[in-house]
Amino acid sequence: MTVRRPPHAQIHLPSLTGEQAYLLVGLLERAVAAVWRAHGDDIADFLGRAFPDDPPPGDAVDVGDRSPDQLDGDDLF
């Protein structure tokens, strides 16, 4: 009897040359960066709600509940 693995997300790509694979990876990295730039705050809020026990990433900046006019730049570093 064969044990079936649970289904998982897949993307089926045609055979690519090295150059095509490199360009595809660059495109995907740029797309991910653009999504984070456009929606990073919303993504961070979601991750905080979905995984409350996970620490924020090491490069995250926490400004707390202060309004932007209460930030004077020196408090961030």
N, C-alpha and C. Protein backbone atom coordinates (compact mmCIF):
# COMPACT_ATOMS: atom_id res chain seq x y z
N MET A 1 0.83 -1.18 0.00
CA MET A 1 0.00 0.00 0.00
C MET A 1 0.89 1.25 0.00
N THR A 2 0.57 2.19 -0.87
CA THR A 2 1.34 3.42 -1.00
C THR A 2 0.73 4.51 -0.12
N VAL A 3 1.59 5.20 0.60
CA VAL A 3 1.15 6.31 1.46
C VAL A 3 1.21 7.59 0.64
N ARG A 4 0.07 8.26 0.54
CA ARG A 4 0.02 9.54 -0.19
C ARG A 4 0.47 10.66 0.69
N ARG A 5 1.31 11.51 0.15
CA ARG A 5 1.70 12.72 0.86
C ARG A 5 0.62 13.77 0.69
N PRO A 6 0.48 14.66 1.67
CA PRO A 6 -0.53 15.72 1.51
C PRO A 6 -0.16 16.62 0.33
N PRO A 7 -1.17 17.18 -0.34
CA PRO A 7 -0.87 18.06 -1.48
C PRO A 7 -0.14 19.32 -1.02
N HIS A 8 0.68 19.85 -1.89
CA HIS A 8 1.39 21.08 -1.59
C HIS A 8 1.42 21.96 -2.84
N ALA A 9 1.67 23.23 -2.62
CA ALA A 9 1.68 24.18 -3.73
C ALA A 9 2.84 23.88 -4.67
N GLN A 10 2.58 23.96 -5.94
CA GLN A 10 3.61 23.72 -6.95
C GLN A 10 3.44 24.70 -8.10
N ILE A 11 4.54 25.02 -8.70
CA ILE A 11 4.53 25.78 -9.96
C ILE A 11 5.29 24.93 -10.96
N HIS A 12 4.65 24.55 -12.01
CA HIS A 12 5.30 23.75 -13.05
C HIS A 12 5.87 24.68 -14.10
N LEU A 13 7.19 24.67 -14.24
CA LEU A 13 7.87 25.51 -15.21
C LEU A 13 8.39 24.66 -16.36
N PRO A 14 8.46 25.24 -17.52
CA PRO A 14 9.10 24.52 -18.62
C PRO A 14 10.61 24.47 -18.36
N SER A 15 11.30 23.68 -19.12
CA SER A 15 12.76 23.63 -18.98
C SER A 15 13.32 25.01 -19.29
N LEU A 16 14.24 25.46 -18.46
CA LEU A 16 14.83 26.78 -18.63
C LEU A 16 16.33 26.66 -18.84
N THR A 17 16.89 27.60 -19.57
CA THR A 17 18.34 27.69 -19.66
C THR A 17 18.83 28.35 -18.39
N GLY A 18 20.11 28.35 -18.18
CA GLY A 18 20.67 29.02 -17.01
C GLY A 18 20.34 30.50 -17.00
N GLU A 19 20.44 31.14 -18.16
CA GLU A 19 20.13 32.57 -18.26
C GLU A 19 18.65 32.83 -17.94
N GLN A 20 17.76 32.01 -18.48
CA GLN A 20 16.34 32.18 -18.23
C GLN A 20 16.01 31.98 -16.75
N ALA A 21 16.61 30.98 -16.12
CA ALA A 21 16.39 30.73 -14.71
C ALA A 21 16.88 31.91 -13.87
N TYR A 22 18.03 32.43 -14.23
CA TYR A 22 18.59 33.59 -13.51
C TYR A 22 17.67 34.80 -13.64
N LEU A 23 17.18 35.06 -14.84
CA LEU A 23 16.27 36.20 -15.05
C LEU A 23 14.96 36.00 -14.30
N LEU A 24 14.43 34.78 -14.27
CA LEU A 24 13.20 34.50 -13.55
C LEU A 24 13.37 34.75 -12.06
N VAL A 25 14.47 34.28 -11.49
CA VAL A 25 14.72 34.49 -10.07
C VAL A 25 14.82 35.99 -9.77
N GLY A 26 15.51 36.74 -10.62
CA GLY A 26 15.61 38.19 -10.43
C GLY A 26 14.25 38.86 -10.47
N LEU A 27 13.42 38.44 -11.41
CA LEU A 27 12.07 38.99 -11.52
C LEU A 27 11.25 38.70 -10.26
N LEU A 28 11.32 37.46 -9.78
CA LEU A 28 10.56 37.09 -8.58
C LEU A 28 11.05 37.86 -7.36
N GLU A 29 12.37 38.03 -7.23
CA GLU A 29 12.90 38.79 -6.10
C GLU A 29 12.43 40.24 -6.15
N ARG A 30 12.40 40.83 -7.34
CA ARG A 30 11.92 42.20 -7.48
C ARG A 30 10.43 42.31 -7.16
N ALA A 31 9.66 41.29 -7.55
CA ALA A 31 8.22 41.29 -7.25
C ALA A 31 7.99 41.20 -5.75
N VAL A 32 8.73 40.35 -5.07
CA VAL A 32 8.59 40.23 -3.61
C VAL A 32 8.95 41.54 -2.93
N ALA A 33 10.05 42.17 -3.35
CA ALA A 33 10.45 43.45 -2.77
C ALA A 33 9.37 44.51 -3.00
N ALA A 34 8.77 44.53 -4.18
CA ALA A 34 7.72 45.52 -4.47
C ALA A 34 6.50 45.29 -3.59
N VAL A 35 6.12 44.04 -3.37
CA VAL A 35 4.97 43.75 -2.51
C VAL A 35 5.27 44.21 -1.09
N TRP A 36 6.47 43.95 -0.59
CA TRP A 36 6.82 44.38 0.77
C TRP A 36 6.83 45.90 0.88
N ARG A 37 7.33 46.59 -0.17
CA ARG A 37 7.32 48.06 -0.13
C ARG A 37 5.89 48.59 -0.10
N ALA A 38 5.02 47.99 -0.88
CA ALA A 38 3.65 48.48 -0.99
C ALA A 38 2.78 48.08 0.20
N HIS A 39 3.02 46.91 0.78
CA HIS A 39 2.11 46.37 1.79
C HIS A 39 2.82 45.88 3.04
N GLY A 40 4.05 46.31 3.26
CA GLY A 40 4.84 45.80 4.38
C GLY A 40 4.20 45.98 5.74
N ASP A 41 3.59 47.14 5.99
CA ASP A 41 2.95 47.38 7.28
C ASP A 41 1.78 46.42 7.50
N ASP A 42 0.98 46.23 6.46
CA ASP A 42 -0.16 45.32 6.58
C ASP A 42 0.31 43.87 6.76
N ILE A 43 1.37 43.50 6.06
CA ILE A 43 1.91 42.15 6.20
C ILE A 43 2.44 41.95 7.61
N ALA A 44 3.15 42.94 8.14
CA ALA A 44 3.69 42.84 9.50
C ALA A 44 2.57 42.74 10.52
N ASP A 45 1.50 43.51 10.34
CA ASP A 45 0.35 43.41 11.25
C ASP A 45 -0.27 42.01 11.21
N PHE A 46 -0.43 41.47 10.00
CA PHE A 46 -0.98 40.13 9.86
C PHE A 46 -0.09 39.10 10.54
N LEU A 47 1.21 39.18 10.30
CA LEU A 47 2.13 38.21 10.90
C LEU A 47 2.10 38.30 12.42
N GLY A 48 1.96 39.51 12.96
CA GLY A 48 1.87 39.68 14.40
C GLY A 48 0.61 39.04 14.98
N ARG A 49 -0.49 39.11 14.22
CA ARG A 49 -1.73 38.48 14.69
C ARG A 49 -1.70 36.97 14.49
N ALA A 50 -1.17 36.54 13.35
CA ALA A 50 -1.18 35.11 13.03
C ALA A 50 -0.16 34.32 13.85
N PHE A 51 0.97 34.93 14.15
CA PHE A 51 2.05 34.25 14.88
C PHE A 51 2.52 35.15 16.02
N PRO A 52 1.69 35.34 17.06
CA PRO A 52 2.03 36.31 18.11
C PRO A 52 3.26 35.93 18.92
N ASP A 53 3.63 34.66 18.96
CA ASP A 53 4.78 34.25 19.76
C ASP A 53 6.10 34.34 19.01
N ASP A 54 6.05 34.57 17.70
CA ASP A 54 7.29 34.69 16.92
C ASP A 54 7.86 36.09 17.09
N PRO A 55 9.16 36.20 17.34
CA PRO A 55 9.77 37.53 17.47
C PRO A 55 9.81 38.23 16.10
N PRO A 56 9.83 39.55 16.10
CA PRO A 56 9.94 40.26 14.82
C PRO A 56 11.32 40.00 14.22
N PRO A 57 11.48 40.20 12.92
CA PRO A 57 12.79 40.01 12.30
C PRO A 57 13.82 40.96 12.89
N GLY A 58 15.07 40.57 12.83
CA GLY A 58 16.14 41.37 13.42
C GLY A 58 16.28 42.75 12.82
N ASP A 59 15.87 42.94 11.57
CA ASP A 59 16.02 44.25 10.93
C ASP A 59 14.76 45.10 11.05
N ALA A 60 13.76 44.64 11.82
CA ALA A 60 12.53 45.40 12.00
C ALA A 60 12.77 46.60 12.90
N VAL A 61 12.08 47.68 12.62
CA VAL A 61 12.14 48.88 13.45
C VAL A 61 10.83 49.01 14.20
N ASP A 62 10.89 49.06 15.52
CA ASP A 62 9.69 49.17 16.33
C ASP A 62 9.58 50.60 16.83
N VAL A 63 8.55 51.29 16.41
CA VAL A 63 8.33 52.66 16.87
C VAL A 63 7.20 52.73 17.88
N GLY A 64 6.67 51.60 18.26
CA GLY A 64 5.64 51.56 19.29
C GLY A 64 4.36 52.21 18.84
N ASP A 65 3.64 52.76 19.81
CA ASP A 65 2.35 53.37 19.53
C ASP A 65 2.43 54.88 19.38
N ARG A 66 3.62 55.39 19.18
CA ARG A 66 3.76 56.84 19.07
C ARG A 66 3.35 57.32 17.69
N SER A 67 2.82 58.50 17.63
CA SER A 67 2.44 59.08 16.34
C SER A 67 3.71 59.59 15.64
N PRO A 68 3.67 59.77 14.32
CA PRO A 68 4.87 60.21 13.60
C PRO A 68 5.43 61.54 14.10
N ASP A 69 4.59 62.45 14.60
CA ASP A 69 5.12 63.72 15.09
C ASP A 69 5.85 63.57 16.42
N GLN A 70 5.71 62.44 17.08
CA GLN A 70 6.43 62.20 18.33
C GLN A 70 7.79 61.55 18.08
N LEU A 71 8.07 61.19 16.86
CA LEU A 71 9.34 60.56 16.53
C LEU A 71 10.33 61.65 16.12
N ASP A 72 11.48 61.63 16.74
CA ASP A 72 12.47 62.66 16.38
C ASP A 72 13.71 62.05 15.76
N GLY A 73 13.66 60.82 15.32
CA GLY A 73 14.79 60.22 14.64
C GLY A 73 15.80 59.61 15.59
N ASP A 74 16.17 60.32 16.65
CA ASP A 74 17.17 59.81 17.59
C ASP A 74 16.64 58.63 18.38
N ASP A 75 15.33 58.55 18.56
CA ASP A 75 14.74 57.44 19.35
C ASP A 75 14.83 56.11 18.61
N LEU A 76 15.02 56.15 17.29
CA LEU A 76 15.02 54.91 16.52
C LEU A 76 16.34 54.16 16.62
N PHE A 77 17.41 54.81 17.00
CA PHE A 77 18.72 54.16 17.01
C PHE A 77 19.33 54.15 18.37
